[in-house]
Amino acid sequence: MGKNIQNGSVRIGDTDMYYASFGTGEKTLIVLPGLSDGLATVKGKAWLLVSPYKKYLNDHTVYLFSRKNKMPDGYSIKDMADDQVRVMHCLGIEKADICGVSQGGMIAQCIAIYHPEVVNRLILAVTAPSANAVVKRVVSDWIDTAARGDHVGLMKDTAEKMYSERFLEKNRRMLPVLARLTKPESYERFFINANAILHFDVREELGKITAPTLIIAGSDDKTVGNTAKTELKEGISGSELFVYEGLGHGAFEEAKDFYDRIFAFL
């Protein structure tokens, strides 16, 4: 079946960037995760992360990248995009399909704007072209909660902002348990990622995106709001928009056909 599951890292400047990869296909897909990467990287997790991609790995080679390990204060979304492209070149990836989820979608937008030559097709999932009022309120609250060291509170509010009520009804009781198992030693990485979101705005540059683009959103997104998907659709010429009715920011986890939809577009 050609799974070829690997954990890897690339040296970049004075630090490293972790990735997980799977597959042997000629088509390359790069997946960029959201703000959760500020709490835990993909290091050593390839076997845990491969599941949604298994049936596509004969035709595709998939890479999931974390942000680099050491990030300076003031590290921006554009900086993250620039470093991602450097790492692609280090791995010999000259061009790829790129899927960005949430904050990863912000990085993907910057890659498509400032490095169009490396992008084949673009998927922007549950993301926004700027730190709109909803984004600023939600992310600022998360920063404040983390600053108090209230990890259970952070995980509970993240879940409330991400998932549908139906999903939460089934899983709410488990959230405090999961939170205690996922608390990082330090929130420094989280703070840098979160502050980068608060300063993000490429609305005036969306017209520079020329790659065929699929936008995936939920109809009730409490994390990036419900105007973000429309701004992306109107700003990116020829883009396609699909909305999961009744789902929100966690559509990439709740929708059973999420990955089928991505690979059909590719």
C-alpha atoms as a PDB file:
ATOM      1  CA  MET A   1       0.000   0.000   0.000  1.00  0.00           C
ATOM      2  CA  GLY A   2       3.028   2.310   0.129  1.00  0.00           C
ATOM      3  CA  LYS A   3       2.395   3.984   3.489  1.00  0.00           C
ATOM      4  CA  ASN A   4       6.075   4.919   4.081  1.00  0.00           C
ATOM      5  CA  ILE A   5       5.337   6.561   7.440  1.00  0.00           C
ATOM      6  CA  GLN A   6       8.182   8.735   8.744  1.00  0.00           C
ATOM      7  CA  ASN A   7       9.012  11.263  11.448  1.00  0.00           C
ATOM      8  CA  GLY A   8      11.577  13.861  10.450  1.00  0.00           C
ATOM      9  CA  SER A   9      13.097  17.259  11.078  1.00  0.00           C
ATOM     10  CA  VAL A  10      14.864  19.896   9.024  1.00  0.00           C
ATOM     11  CA  ARG A  11      17.572  22.236  10.312  1.00  0.00           C
ATOM     12  CA  ILE A  12      16.621  25.868   9.767  1.00  0.00           C
ATOM     13  CA  GLY A  13      18.978  28.543  11.059  1.00  0.00           C
ATOM     14  CA  ASP A  14      19.684  27.880  14.737  1.00  0.00           C
ATOM     15  CA  THR A  15      16.746  25.520  15.238  1.00  0.00           C
ATOM     16  CA  ASP A  16      14.725  22.675  13.674  1.00  0.00           C
ATOM     17  CA  MET A  17      11.290  22.142  12.155  1.00  0.00           C
ATOM     18  CA  TYR A  18       9.560  18.819  12.802  1.00  0.00           C
ATOM     19  CA  TYR A  19       7.393  17.041  10.272  1.00  0.00           C
ATOM     20  CA  ALA A  20       5.508  13.800   9.802  1.00  0.00           C
ATOM     21  CA  SER A  21       5.248  12.293   6.338  1.00  0.00           C
ATOM     22  CA  PHE A  22       3.437   9.380   4.742  1.00  0.00           C
ATOM     23  CA  GLY A  23       2.944   7.929   1.281  1.00  0.00           C
ATOM     24  CA  THR A  24       4.903   7.281  -1.888  1.00  0.00           C
ATOM     25  CA  GLY A  25       2.763   9.104  -4.439  1.00  0.00           C
ATOM     26  CA  GLU A  26       4.083  11.554  -7.005  1.00  0.00           C
ATOM     27  CA  LYS A  27       1.694  14.305  -5.859  1.00  0.00           C
ATOM     28  CA  THR A  28       2.871  16.206  -2.774  1.00  0.00           C
ATOM     29  CA  LEU A  29       0.432  17.621  -0.236  1.00  0.00           C
ATOM     30  CA  ILE A  30       1.639  19.832   2.614  1.00  0.00           C
ATOM     31  CA  VAL A  31      -0.694  20.233   5.589  1.00  0.00           C
ATOM     32  CA  LEU A  32      -0.224  23.108   8.050  1.00  0.00           C
ATOM     33  CA  PRO A  33      -2.026  22.773  11.413  1.00  0.00           C
ATOM     34  CA  GLY A  34      -3.614  25.468  13.528  1.00  0.00           C
ATOM     35  CA  LEU A  35      -2.799  27.141  16.828  1.00  0.00           C
ATOM     36  CA  SER A  36      -2.747  23.758  18.599  1.00  0.00           C
ATOM     37  CA  ASP A  37       0.780  23.461  17.195  1.00  0.00           C
ATOM     38  CA  GLY A  38       1.717  26.088  19.759  1.00  0.00           C
ATOM     39  CA  LEU A  39       0.941  23.548  22.484  1.00  0.00           C
ATOM     40  CA  ALA A  40       2.286  20.342  20.919  1.00  0.00           C
ATOM     41  CA  THR A  41       4.252  19.703  17.720  1.00  0.00           C
ATOM     42  CA  VAL A  42       3.969  16.718  15.360  1.00  0.00           C
ATOM     43  CA  LYS A  43       7.285  15.313  16.643  1.00  0.00           C
ATOM     44  CA  GLY A  44       7.182  11.517  16.723  1.00  0.00           C
ATOM     45  CA  LYS A  45       3.455  11.358  15.932  1.00  0.00           C
ATOM     46  CA  ALA A  46       3.417  10.149  12.329  1.00  0.00           C
ATOM     47  CA  TRP A  47       1.696   6.862  13.216  1.00  0.00           C
ATOM     48  CA  LEU A  48      -1.000   8.760  15.096  1.00  0.00           C
ATOM     49  CA  LEU A  49      -1.569  11.316  12.324  1.00  0.00           C
ATOM     50  CA  VAL A  50      -1.631   9.081   9.244  1.00  0.00           C
ATOM     51  CA  SER A  51      -5.152   7.681   9.638  1.00  0.00           C
ATOM     52  CA  PRO A  52      -7.198  10.234   7.607  1.00  0.00           C
ATOM     53  CA  TYR A  53      -4.776   9.976   4.670  1.00  0.00           C
ATOM     54  CA  LYS A  54      -4.305   6.205   4.349  1.00  0.00           C
ATOM     55  CA  LYS A  55      -6.452   5.573   1.297  1.00  0.00           C
ATOM     56  CA  TYR A  56      -4.738   8.331  -0.704  1.00  0.00           C
ATOM     57  CA  LEU A  57      -1.108   7.395  -0.150  1.00  0.00           C
ATOM     58  CA  ASN A  58      -0.512   5.512  -3.389  1.00  0.00           C
ATOM     59  CA  ASP A  59      -1.030   8.735  -5.357  1.00  0.00           C
ATOM     60  CA  HIS A  60       0.119  11.260  -2.763  1.00  0.00           C
ATOM     61  CA  THR A  61       2.989  11.942  -0.405  1.00  0.00           C
ATOM     62  CA  VAL A  62       1.697  13.950   2.554  1.00  0.00           C
ATOM     63  CA  TYR A  63       3.755  16.142   4.889  1.00  0.00           C
ATOM     64  CA  LEU A  64       2.420  17.621   8.139  1.00  0.00           C
ATOM     65  CA  PHE A  65       4.693  20.419   9.356  1.00  0.00           C
ATOM     66  CA  SER A  66       4.976  22.084  12.733  1.00  0.00           C
ATOM     67  CA  ARG A  67       6.273  25.606  13.088  1.00  0.00           C
ATOM     68  CA  LYS A  68       9.998  25.727  13.844  1.00  0.00           C
ATOM     69  CA  ASN A  69      10.988  24.951  17.433  1.00  0.00           C
ATOM     70  CA  LYS A  70      12.614  28.224  18.445  1.00  0.00           C
ATOM     71  CA  MET A  71      10.591  31.255  17.382  1.00  0.00           C
ATOM     72  CA  PRO A  72      11.716  34.821  18.139  1.00  0.00           C
ATOM     73  CA  ASP A  73       9.431  37.390  19.734  1.00  0.00           C
ATOM     74  CA  GLY A  74       7.444  39.161  17.046  1.00  0.00           C
ATOM     75  CA  TYR A  75       7.581  36.126  14.734  1.00  0.00           C
ATOM     76  CA  SER A  76       4.840  36.809  12.178  1.00  0.00           C
ATOM     77  CA  ILE A  77       2.586  34.692   9.999  1.00  0.00           C
ATOM     78  CA  LYS A  78       4.608  35.854   6.978  1.00  0.00           C
ATOM     79  CA  ASP A  79       7.821  34.785   8.741  1.00  0.00           C
ATOM     80  CA  MET A  80       6.260  31.358   9.278  1.00  0.00           C
ATOM     81  CA  ALA A  81       5.390  31.176   5.580  1.00  0.00           C
ATOM     82  CA  ASP A  82       8.905  32.196   4.524  1.00  0.00           C
ATOM     83  CA  ASP A  83      10.440  29.540   6.796  1.00  0.00           C
ATOM     84  CA  GLN A  84       8.011  26.914   5.517  1.00  0.00           C
ATOM     85  CA  VAL A  85       9.127  27.572   1.946  1.00  0.00           C
ATOM     86  CA  ARG A  86      12.798  27.345   3.008  1.00  0.00           C
ATOM     87  CA  VAL A  87      12.135  23.936   4.537  1.00  0.00           C
ATOM     88  CA  MET A  88      10.303  22.780   1.416  1.00  0.00           C
ATOM     89  CA  HIS A  89      13.389  23.612  -0.632  1.00  0.00           C
ATOM     90  CA  CYS A  90      15.611  21.784   1.881  1.00  0.00           C
ATOM     91  CA  LEU A  91      13.513  18.659   1.318  1.00  0.00           C
ATOM     92  CA  GLY A  92      13.633  19.063  -2.446  1.00  0.00           C
ATOM     93  CA  ILE A  93       9.957  20.034  -2.697  1.00  0.00           C
ATOM     94  CA  GLU A  94       9.800  22.626  -5.443  1.00  0.00           C
ATOM     95  CA  LYS A  95       6.016  22.728  -5.760  1.00  0.00           C
ATOM     96  CA  ALA A  96       3.148  21.227  -3.784  1.00  0.00           C
ATOM     97  CA  ASP A  97      -0.535  21.319  -3.013  1.00  0.00           C
ATOM     98  CA  ILE A  98      -0.928  23.167   0.288  1.00  0.00           C
ATOM     99  CA  CYS A  99      -3.702  22.744   2.842  1.00  0.00           C
ATOM    100  CA  GLY A 100      -3.810  25.132   5.783  1.00  0.00           C
ATOM    101  CA  VAL A 101      -6.189  24.689   8.709  1.00  0.00           C
ATOM    102  CA  SER A 102      -7.091  27.695  10.889  1.00  0.00           C
ATOM    103  CA  GLN A 103      -3.771  29.451  11.667  1.00  0.00           C
ATOM    104  CA  GLY A 104      -2.202  27.067   9.160  1.00  0.00           C
ATOM    105  CA  GLY A 105      -4.590  28.555   6.602  1.00  0.00           C
ATOM    106  CA  MET A 106      -3.204  31.999   7.365  1.00  0.00           C
ATOM    107  CA  ILE A 107       0.319  30.702   6.725  1.00  0.00           C
ATOM    108  CA  ALA A 108      -0.909  29.037   3.526  1.00  0.00           C
ATOM    109  CA  GLN A 109      -2.352  32.353   2.321  1.00  0.00           C
ATOM    110  CA  CYS A 110       1.018  34.027   2.820  1.00  0.00           C
ATOM    111  CA  ILE A 111       2.787  31.242   0.946  1.00  0.00           C
ATOM    112  CA  ALA A 112       0.375  31.631  -1.972  1.00  0.00           C
ATOM    113  CA  ILE A 113       0.740  35.447  -1.936  1.00  0.00           C
ATOM    114  CA  TYR A 114       4.503  35.786  -1.496  1.00  0.00           C
ATOM    115  CA  HIS A 115       5.741  32.475  -2.945  1.00  0.00           C
ATOM    116  CA  PRO A 116       3.208  31.592  -5.673  1.00  0.00           C
ATOM    117  CA  GLU A 117       5.788  29.552  -7.564  1.00  0.00           C
ATOM    118  CA  VAL A 118       5.719  26.786  -4.921  1.00  0.00           C
ATOM    119  CA  VAL A 119       1.926  26.340  -4.821  1.00  0.00           C
ATOM    120  CA  ASN A 120       0.020  23.998  -7.098  1.00  0.00           C
ATOM    121  CA  ARG A 121      -3.436  23.958  -5.493  1.00  0.00           C
ATOM    122  CA  LEU A 122      -4.518  25.656  -2.267  1.00  0.00           C
ATOM    123  CA  ILE A 123      -7.000  24.520   0.392  1.00  0.00           C
ATOM    124  CA  LEU A 124      -7.970  27.016   3.086  1.00  0.00           C
ATOM    125  CA  ALA A 125      -9.948  25.372   5.879  1.00  0.00           C
ATOM    126  CA  VAL A 126     -11.770  27.184   8.719  1.00  0.00           C
ATOM    127  CA  THR A 127      -9.503  30.201   8.400  1.00  0.00           C
ATOM    128  CA  ALA A 128      -9.635  33.964   7.864  1.00  0.00           C
ATOM    129  CA  PRO A 129      -7.739  36.597   5.857  1.00  0.00           C
ATOM    130  CA  SER A 130      -7.273  38.786   8.935  1.00  0.00           C
ATOM    131  CA  ALA A 131      -7.584  38.948  12.690  1.00  0.00           C
ATOM    132  CA  ASN A 132     -11.169  40.147  12.608  1.00  0.00           C
ATOM    133  CA  ALA A 133     -13.118  41.123  15.733  1.00  0.00           C
ATOM    134  CA  VAL A 134     -14.114  37.524  16.504  1.00  0.00           C
ATOM    135  CA  VAL A 135     -10.564  36.229  16.076  1.00  0.00           C
ATOM    136  CA  LYS A 136      -9.132  38.975  18.264  1.00  0.00           C
ATOM    137  CA  ARG A 137     -11.621  38.378  21.056  1.00  0.00           C
ATOM    138  CA  VAL A 138     -11.238  34.604  21.062  1.00  0.00           C
ATOM    139  CA  VAL A 139      -7.444  34.471  20.740  1.00  0.00           C
ATOM    140  CA  SER A 140      -6.946  37.250  23.308  1.00  0.00           C
ATOM    141  CA  ASP A 141      -9.103  35.307  25.762  1.00  0.00           C
ATOM    142  CA  TRP A 142      -7.001  32.192  25.154  1.00  0.00           C
ATOM    143  CA  ILE A 143      -3.792  34.150  25.753  1.00  0.00           C
ATOM    144  CA  ASP A 144      -5.175  35.478  29.044  1.00  0.00           C
ATOM    145  CA  THR A 145      -6.313  32.000  30.133  1.00  0.00           C
ATOM    146  CA  ALA A 146      -2.926  30.476  29.332  1.00  0.00           C
ATOM    147  CA  ALA A 147      -1.169  33.331  31.148  1.00  0.00           C
ATOM    148  CA  ARG A 148      -3.089  32.339  34.281  1.00  0.00           C
ATOM    149  CA  GLY A 149      -1.899  28.754  33.828  1.00  0.00           C
ATOM    150  CA  ASP A 150      -5.495  27.527  33.544  1.00  0.00           C
ATOM    151  CA  HIS A 151      -4.977  24.747  31.032  1.00  0.00           C
ATOM    152  CA  VAL A 152      -8.282  23.035  31.767  1.00  0.00           C
ATOM    153  CA  GLY A 153     -10.034  26.350  31.153  1.00  0.00           C
ATOM    154  CA  LEU A 154      -8.093  26.848  27.933  1.00  0.00           C
ATOM    155  CA  MET A 155      -9.004  23.402  26.598  1.00  0.00           C
ATOM    156  CA  LYS A 156     -12.659  23.759  27.605  1.00  0.00           C
ATOM    157  CA  ASP A 157     -13.036  27.132  25.898  1.00  0.00           C
ATOM    158  CA  THR A 158     -11.185  25.902  22.820  1.00  0.00           C
ATOM    159  CA  ALA A 159     -13.624  23.008  22.541  1.00  0.00           C
ATOM    160  CA  GLU A 160     -16.648  25.270  23.053  1.00  0.00           C
ATOM    161  CA  LYS A 161     -15.391  27.557  20.276  1.00  0.00           C
ATOM    162  CA  MET A 162     -14.622  24.663  17.905  1.00  0.00           C
ATOM    163  CA  TYR A 163     -17.225  21.941  18.039  1.00  0.00           C
ATOM    164  CA  SER A 164     -20.920  21.570  17.387  1.00  0.00           C
ATOM    165  CA  GLU A 165     -23.257  21.188  20.361  1.00  0.00           C
ATOM    166  CA  ARG A 166     -23.965  17.629  19.284  1.00  0.00           C
ATOM    167  CA  PHE A 167     -20.267  16.771  19.463  1.00  0.00           C
ATOM    168  CA  LEU A 168     -19.836  18.559  22.787  1.00  0.00           C
ATOM    169  CA  GLU A 169     -22.750  16.729  24.376  1.00  0.00           C
ATOM    170  CA  LYS A 170     -20.973  13.444  23.695  1.00  0.00           C
ATOM    171  CA  ASN A 171     -17.496  14.551  24.770  1.00  0.00           C
ATOM    172  CA  ARG A 172     -17.746  17.349  27.367  1.00  0.00           C
ATOM    173  CA  ARG A 173     -17.077  15.069  30.330  1.00  0.00           C
ATOM    174  CA  MET A 174     -13.755  13.990  28.856  1.00  0.00           C
ATOM    175  CA  LEU A 175     -12.391  17.515  28.299  1.00  0.00           C
ATOM    176  CA  PRO A 176     -10.909  18.056  31.797  1.00  0.00           C
ATOM    177  CA  VAL A 177      -9.191  14.659  31.635  1.00  0.00           C
ATOM    178  CA  LEU A 178      -7.740  15.334  28.200  1.00  0.00           C
ATOM    179  CA  ALA A 179      -6.644  18.799  29.297  1.00  0.00           C
ATOM    180  CA  ARG A 180      -4.609  17.444  32.181  1.00  0.00           C
ATOM    181  CA  LEU A 181      -2.824  15.080  29.792  1.00  0.00           C
ATOM    182  CA  THR A 182      -1.910  17.800  27.276  1.00  0.00           C
ATOM    183  CA  LYS A 183      -0.580  20.645  29.424  1.00  0.00           C
ATOM    184  CA  PRO A 184       2.760  21.885  28.026  1.00  0.00           C
ATOM    185  CA  GLU A 185       5.778  22.658  30.173  1.00  0.00           C
ATOM    186  CA  SER A 186       5.700  26.242  28.923  1.00  0.00           C
ATOM    187  CA  TYR A 187       3.227  28.428  27.021  1.00  0.00           C
ATOM    188  CA  GLU A 188       5.965  30.470  25.321  1.00  0.00           C
ATOM    189  CA  ARG A 189       5.454  28.770  21.973  1.00  0.00           C
ATOM    190  CA  PHE A 190       1.685  29.193  22.258  1.00  0.00           C
ATOM    191  CA  PHE A 191       1.996  32.911  23.043  1.00  0.00           C
ATOM    192  CA  ILE A 192       4.216  33.569  20.011  1.00  0.00           C
ATOM    193  CA  ASN A 193       1.847  31.706  17.676  1.00  0.00           C
ATOM    194  CA  ALA A 194      -1.223  33.387  19.151  1.00  0.00           C
ATOM    195  CA  ASN A 195       0.234  36.896  18.982  1.00  0.00           C
ATOM    196  CA  ALA A 196       1.150  36.311  15.338  1.00  0.00           C
ATOM    197  CA  ILE A 197      -2.535  35.694  14.630  1.00  0.00           C
ATOM    198  CA  LEU A 198      -3.534  38.967  16.290  1.00  0.00           C
ATOM    199  CA  HIS A 199      -1.337  40.927  13.849  1.00  0.00           C
ATOM    200  CA  PHE A 200      -2.365  39.072  10.679  1.00  0.00           C
ATOM    201  CA  ASP A 201      -4.094  40.860   7.780  1.00  0.00           C
ATOM    202  CA  VAL A 202      -3.738  40.030   4.067  1.00  0.00           C
ATOM    203  CA  ARG A 203      -7.166  41.184   2.896  1.00  0.00           C
ATOM    204  CA  GLU A 204      -5.661  43.699   0.479  1.00  0.00           C
ATOM    205  CA  GLU A 205      -3.376  41.054  -1.012  1.00  0.00           C
ATOM    206  CA  LEU A 206      -5.790  38.182  -1.599  1.00  0.00           C
ATOM    207  CA  GLY A 207      -5.984  39.164  -5.265  1.00  0.00           C
ATOM    208  CA  LYS A 208      -2.377  38.027  -5.655  1.00  0.00           C
ATOM    209  CA  ILE A 209      -3.400  34.407  -5.047  1.00  0.00           C
ATOM    210  CA  THR A 210      -3.511  32.726  -8.451  1.00  0.00           C
ATOM    211  CA  ALA A 211      -3.498  29.048  -7.440  1.00  0.00           C
ATOM    212  CA  PRO A 212      -6.792  27.162  -7.793  1.00  0.00           C
ATOM    213  CA  THR A 213      -8.285  27.507  -4.314  1.00  0.00           C
ATOM    214  CA  LEU A 214     -10.833  25.567  -2.285  1.00  0.00           C
ATOM    215  CA  ILE A 215     -12.227  27.253   0.833  1.00  0.00           C
ATOM    216  CA  ILE A 216     -13.838  24.986   3.422  1.00  0.00           C
ATOM    217  CA  ALA A 217     -15.809  26.448   6.309  1.00  0.00           C
ATOM    218  CA  GLY A 218     -18.466  25.692   8.879  1.00  0.00           C
ATOM    219  CA  SER A 219     -21.734  27.613   8.956  1.00  0.00           C
ATOM    220  CA  ASP A 220     -21.278  28.497  12.636  1.00  0.00           C
ATOM    221  CA  ASP A 221     -17.612  29.224  13.287  1.00  0.00           C
ATOM    222  CA  LYS A 222     -17.148  30.721  16.749  1.00  0.00           C
ATOM    223  CA  THR A 223     -13.370  31.048  16.319  1.00  0.00           C
ATOM    224  CA  VAL A 224     -12.940  33.005  13.061  1.00  0.00           C
ATOM    225  CA  GLY A 225     -16.524  34.199  12.663  1.00  0.00           C
ATOM    226  CA  ASN A 226     -18.928  33.741   9.780  1.00  0.00           C
ATOM    227  CA  THR A 227     -17.782  36.575   7.506  1.00  0.00           C
ATOM    228  CA  ALA A 228     -14.238  35.218   7.005  1.00  0.00           C
ATOM    229  CA  LYS A 229     -15.245  32.619   4.432  1.00  0.00           C
ATOM    230  CA  THR A 230     -17.048  35.244   2.352  1.00  0.00           C
ATOM    231  CA  GLU A 231     -14.055  37.586   2.470  1.00  0.00           C
ATOM    232  CA  LEU A 232     -11.813  34.779   1.233  1.00  0.00           C
ATOM    233  CA  LYS A 233     -14.226  33.784  -1.537  1.00  0.00           C
ATOM    234  CA  GLU A 234     -14.633  37.360  -2.754  1.00  0.00           C
ATOM    235  CA  GLY A 235     -10.928  38.143  -2.476  1.00  0.00           C
ATOM    236  CA  ILE A 236      -9.523  35.088  -4.273  1.00  0.00           C
ATOM    237  CA  SER A 237     -10.518  35.062  -7.916  1.00  0.00           C
ATOM    238  CA  GLY A 238     -12.102  31.823  -9.117  1.00  0.00           C
ATOM    239  CA  SER A 239     -12.019  30.215  -5.688  1.00  0.00           C
ATOM    240  CA  GLU A 240     -14.519  27.543  -4.657  1.00  0.00           C
ATOM    241  CA  LEU A 241     -16.347  27.627  -1.319  1.00  0.00           C
ATOM    242  CA  PHE A 242     -17.899  24.694   0.510  1.00  0.00           C
ATOM    243  CA  VAL A 243     -19.745  25.231   3.792  1.00  0.00           C
ATOM    244  CA  TYR A 244     -20.587  22.469   6.275  1.00  0.00           C
ATOM    245  CA  GLU A 245     -24.019  23.385   7.626  1.00  0.00           C
ATOM    246  CA  GLY A 246     -24.336  22.975  11.375  1.00  0.00           C
ATOM    247  CA  LEU A 247     -20.589  22.667  11.957  1.00  0.00           C
ATOM    248  CA  GLY A 248     -18.063  25.216  13.110  1.00  0.00           C
ATOM    249  CA  HIS A 249     -14.308  25.571  13.481  1.00  0.00           C
ATOM    250  CA  GLY A 250     -13.893  21.853  14.152  1.00  0.00           C
ATOM    251  CA  ALA A 251     -15.375  20.821  10.805  1.00  0.00           C
ATOM    252  CA  PHE A 252     -12.053  19.218   9.865  1.00  0.00           C
ATOM    253  CA  GLU A 253     -12.562  16.771  12.739  1.00  0.00           C
ATOM    254  CA  GLU A 254     -16.337  16.375  12.712  1.00  0.00           C
ATOM    255  CA  ALA A 255     -17.088  16.105   8.973  1.00  0.00           C
ATOM    256  CA  LYS A 256     -16.581  12.516   7.849  1.00  0.00           C
ATOM    257  CA  ASP A 257     -15.972  13.534   4.233  1.00  0.00           C
ATOM    258  CA  PHE A 258     -13.528  16.382   4.982  1.00  0.00           C
ATOM    259  CA  TYR A 259     -10.470  14.614   3.560  1.00  0.00           C
ATOM    260  CA  ASP A 260     -12.436  13.057   0.689  1.00  0.00           C
ATOM    261  CA  ARG A 261     -13.428  16.581  -0.312  1.00  0.00           C
ATOM    262  CA  ILE A 262      -9.811  17.790  -0.210  1.00  0.00           C
ATOM    263  CA  PHE A 263      -8.435  14.959  -2.292  1.00  0.00           C
ATOM    264  CA  ALA A 264     -11.303  15.209  -4.789  1.00  0.00           C
ATOM    265  CA  PHE A 265     -10.281  18.855  -5.306  1.00  0.00           C
ATOM    266  CA  LEU A 266      -6.655  17.793  -5.773  1.00  0.00           C
END
